[in-house]
Amino acid sequence: MASDSTNLREKLKAEIMNGLWIDLKDHAERNAIFLVSQDLDLLDVAESVASDNVEIVSEWVRSGQLVRPTPAQTSTWEKESGKAFRFLILQPHILIQEQSH
């Protein structure tokens, strides 16, 4: 089983991409995006979501570390030309994390 976990983690790690808000905004319009707090590791979150670890994912949601972006956030990102994110697609959702400048 550890091998399956390692394989999943490696697969997800290889699928993390970098992109601009302009490339992600259509997904936000269909309510598919979850914003991952910069306090968390995007890969850890993706692995927990993909493994259906309800307990830990629910805690992140309750604590506000894994949320849907607010209209105010998306409006701000819209105005910031070149706003960059790390992201990972976990159908039907996309996990995004703001990149520091």
C-alpha atoms as a PDB file:
ATOM      1  CA  MET A   1       0.000   0.000   0.000  1.00  0.00           C
ATOM      2  CA  ALA A   2       2.892   2.376   0.693  1.00  0.00           C
ATOM      3  CA  SER A   3       3.901   1.905  -2.924  1.00  0.00           C
ATOM      4  CA  ASP A   4       0.449   3.056  -4.096  1.00  0.00           C
ATOM      5  CA  SER A   5       0.757   6.147  -1.895  1.00  0.00           C
ATOM      6  CA  THR A   6       4.240   6.891  -3.221  1.00  0.00           C
ATOM      7  CA  ASN A   7       3.068   6.401  -6.804  1.00  0.00           C
ATOM      8  CA  LEU A   8       0.119   8.737  -6.277  1.00  0.00           C
ATOM      9  CA  ARG A   9       2.343  11.407  -4.736  1.00  0.00           C
ATOM     10  CA  GLU A  10       4.860  11.170  -7.592  1.00  0.00           C
ATOM     11  CA  LYS A  11       2.072  11.301 -10.193  1.00  0.00           C
ATOM     12  CA  LEU A  12       0.536  14.395  -8.575  1.00  0.00           C
ATOM     13  CA  LYS A  13       3.924  16.063  -8.168  1.00  0.00           C
ATOM     14  CA  ALA A  14       4.554  15.682 -11.897  1.00  0.00           C
ATOM     15  CA  GLU A  15       1.164  17.266 -12.651  1.00  0.00           C
ATOM     16  CA  ILE A  16       1.679  20.512 -10.717  1.00  0.00           C
ATOM     17  CA  MET A  17       1.760  23.387 -13.165  1.00  0.00           C
ATOM     18  CA  ASN A  18       2.327  27.114 -13.116  1.00  0.00           C
ATOM     19  CA  GLY A  19      -0.073  29.482 -14.787  1.00  0.00           C
ATOM     20  CA  LEU A  20      -1.631  32.891 -14.818  1.00  0.00           C
ATOM     21  CA  TRP A  21      -5.045  33.859 -13.470  1.00  0.00           C
ATOM     22  CA  ILE A  22      -6.204  34.649 -16.987  1.00  0.00           C
ATOM     23  CA  ASP A  23      -5.761  30.934 -17.801  1.00  0.00           C
ATOM     24  CA  LEU A  24      -7.697  29.818 -14.716  1.00  0.00           C
ATOM     25  CA  LYS A  25     -10.562  32.307 -14.592  1.00  0.00           C
ATOM     26  CA  ASP A  26     -12.916  30.255 -16.789  1.00  0.00           C
ATOM     27  CA  HIS A  27     -12.649  27.449 -14.247  1.00  0.00           C
ATOM     28  CA  ALA A  28     -13.563  29.885 -11.457  1.00  0.00           C
ATOM     29  CA  GLU A  29     -16.648  30.905 -13.398  1.00  0.00           C
ATOM     30  CA  ARG A  30     -17.817  27.290 -13.341  1.00  0.00           C
ATOM     31  CA  ASN A  31     -17.045  27.105  -9.591  1.00  0.00           C
ATOM     32  CA  ALA A  32     -14.326  24.463 -10.009  1.00  0.00           C
ATOM     33  CA  ILE A  33     -11.471  26.215  -8.183  1.00  0.00           C
ATOM     34  CA  PHE A  34     -10.308  25.745  -4.617  1.00  0.00           C
ATOM     35  CA  LEU A  35      -7.701  28.103  -3.205  1.00  0.00           C
ATOM     36  CA  VAL A  36      -5.041  26.427  -1.069  1.00  0.00           C
ATOM     37  CA  SER A  37      -3.544  28.524   1.724  1.00  0.00           C
ATOM     38  CA  GLN A  38       0.130  29.327   1.414  1.00  0.00           C
ATOM     39  CA  ASP A  39       0.482  27.743   4.863  1.00  0.00           C
ATOM     40  CA  LEU A  40      -0.127  24.360   3.237  1.00  0.00           C
ATOM     41  CA  ASP A  41       1.866  22.338   0.746  1.00  0.00           C
ATOM     42  CA  LEU A  42      -0.076  22.087  -2.519  1.00  0.00           C
ATOM     43  CA  LEU A  43       1.150  18.522  -3.042  1.00  0.00           C
ATOM     44  CA  ASP A  44      -0.008  17.437   0.443  1.00  0.00           C
ATOM     45  CA  VAL A  45      -3.450  18.924  -0.197  1.00  0.00           C
ATOM     46  CA  ALA A  46      -3.727  17.293  -3.609  1.00  0.00           C
ATOM     47  CA  GLU A  47      -2.710  13.925  -2.185  1.00  0.00           C
ATOM     48  CA  SER A  48      -5.275  14.181   0.617  1.00  0.00           C
ATOM     49  CA  VAL A  49      -8.050  15.199  -1.775  1.00  0.00           C
ATOM     50  CA  ALA A  50      -7.153  12.470  -4.287  1.00  0.00           C
ATOM     51  CA  SER A  51      -7.003   9.878  -1.476  1.00  0.00           C
ATOM     52  CA  ASP A  52     -10.398  11.031  -0.207  1.00  0.00           C
ATOM     53  CA  ASN A  53      -8.988  11.841   3.239  1.00  0.00           C
ATOM     54  CA  VAL A  54     -12.230  13.469   4.407  1.00  0.00           C
ATOM     55  CA  GLU A  55     -11.038  14.162   7.950  1.00  0.00           C
ATOM     56  CA  ILE A  56      -8.019  16.282   7.047  1.00  0.00           C
ATOM     57  CA  VAL A  57      -9.650  17.960   4.025  1.00  0.00           C
ATOM     58  CA  SER A  58     -12.667  18.881   6.162  1.00  0.00           C
ATOM     59  CA  GLU A  59     -10.357  20.416   8.756  1.00  0.00           C
ATOM     60  CA  TRP A  60      -8.658  22.547   6.094  1.00  0.00           C
ATOM     61  CA  VAL A  61     -12.075  23.702   4.888  1.00  0.00           C
ATOM     62  CA  ARG A  62     -13.234  24.484   8.456  1.00  0.00           C
ATOM     63  CA  SER A  63     -10.036  26.409   9.191  1.00  0.00           C
ATOM     64  CA  GLY A  64     -10.273  28.410   5.953  1.00  0.00           C
ATOM     65  CA  GLN A  65      -7.078  26.921   4.510  1.00  0.00           C
ATOM     66  CA  LEU A  66      -8.935  25.337   1.587  1.00  0.00           C
ATOM     67  CA  VAL A  67     -11.668  27.582   0.199  1.00  0.00           C
ATOM     68  CA  ARG A  68     -13.373  28.708  -2.934  1.00  0.00           C
ATOM     69  CA  PRO A  69     -12.019  32.107  -3.964  1.00  0.00           C
ATOM     70  CA  THR A  70     -14.260  35.021  -3.057  1.00  0.00           C
ATOM     71  CA  PRO A  71     -15.559  37.446  -5.680  1.00  0.00           C
ATOM     72  CA  ALA A  72     -13.267  40.091  -4.138  1.00  0.00           C
ATOM     73  CA  GLN A  73     -10.221  37.839  -4.614  1.00  0.00           C
ATOM     74  CA  THR A  74     -11.070  36.983  -8.202  1.00  0.00           C
ATOM     75  CA  SER A  75     -11.714  40.652  -8.961  1.00  0.00           C
ATOM     76  CA  THR A  76      -8.302  41.581  -7.535  1.00  0.00           C
ATOM     77  CA  TRP A  77      -6.582  38.826  -9.511  1.00  0.00           C
ATOM     78  CA  GLU A  78      -8.393  40.001 -12.626  1.00  0.00           C
ATOM     79  CA  LYS A  79      -6.822  43.445 -12.212  1.00  0.00           C
ATOM     80  CA  GLU A  80      -3.320  42.102 -11.524  1.00  0.00           C
ATOM     81  CA  SER A  81      -1.848  41.482 -14.924  1.00  0.00           C
ATOM     82  CA  GLY A  82       0.326  38.413 -14.741  1.00  0.00           C
ATOM     83  CA  LYS A  83      -0.991  37.097 -11.389  1.00  0.00           C
ATOM     84  CA  ALA A  84       0.717  33.700 -11.100  1.00  0.00           C
ATOM     85  CA  PHE A  85      -0.434  30.484  -9.447  1.00  0.00           C
ATOM     86  CA  ARG A  86       0.729  26.938  -8.948  1.00  0.00           C
ATOM     87  CA  PHE A  87      -2.134  24.604  -9.728  1.00  0.00           C
ATOM     88  CA  LEU A  88      -3.119  21.005 -10.062  1.00  0.00           C
ATOM     89  CA  ILE A  89      -6.161  19.585 -11.802  1.00  0.00           C
ATOM     90  CA  LEU A  90      -8.090  16.968  -9.840  1.00  0.00           C
ATOM     91  CA  GLN A  91     -11.188  16.482 -11.964  1.00  0.00           C
ATOM     92  CA  PRO A  92     -13.658  18.092 -11.629  1.00  0.00           C
ATOM     93  CA  HIS A  93     -11.763  20.577  -9.441  1.00  0.00           C
ATOM     94  CA  ILE A  94      -8.598  22.609  -9.689  1.00  0.00           C
ATOM     95  CA  LEU A  95      -6.459  23.335  -6.647  1.00  0.00           C
ATOM     96  CA  ILE A  96      -4.651  26.656  -6.938  1.00  0.00           C
ATOM     97  CA  GLN A  97      -2.076  28.380  -4.749  1.00  0.00           C
ATOM     98  CA  GLU A  98      -0.879  31.940  -5.137  1.00  0.00           C
ATOM     99  CA  GLN A  99       2.766  32.296  -6.030  1.00  0.00           C
ATOM    100  CA  SER A 100       4.869  34.763  -4.087  1.00  0.00           C
ATOM    101  CA  HIS A 101       6.650  37.400  -6.094  1.00  0.00           C
END
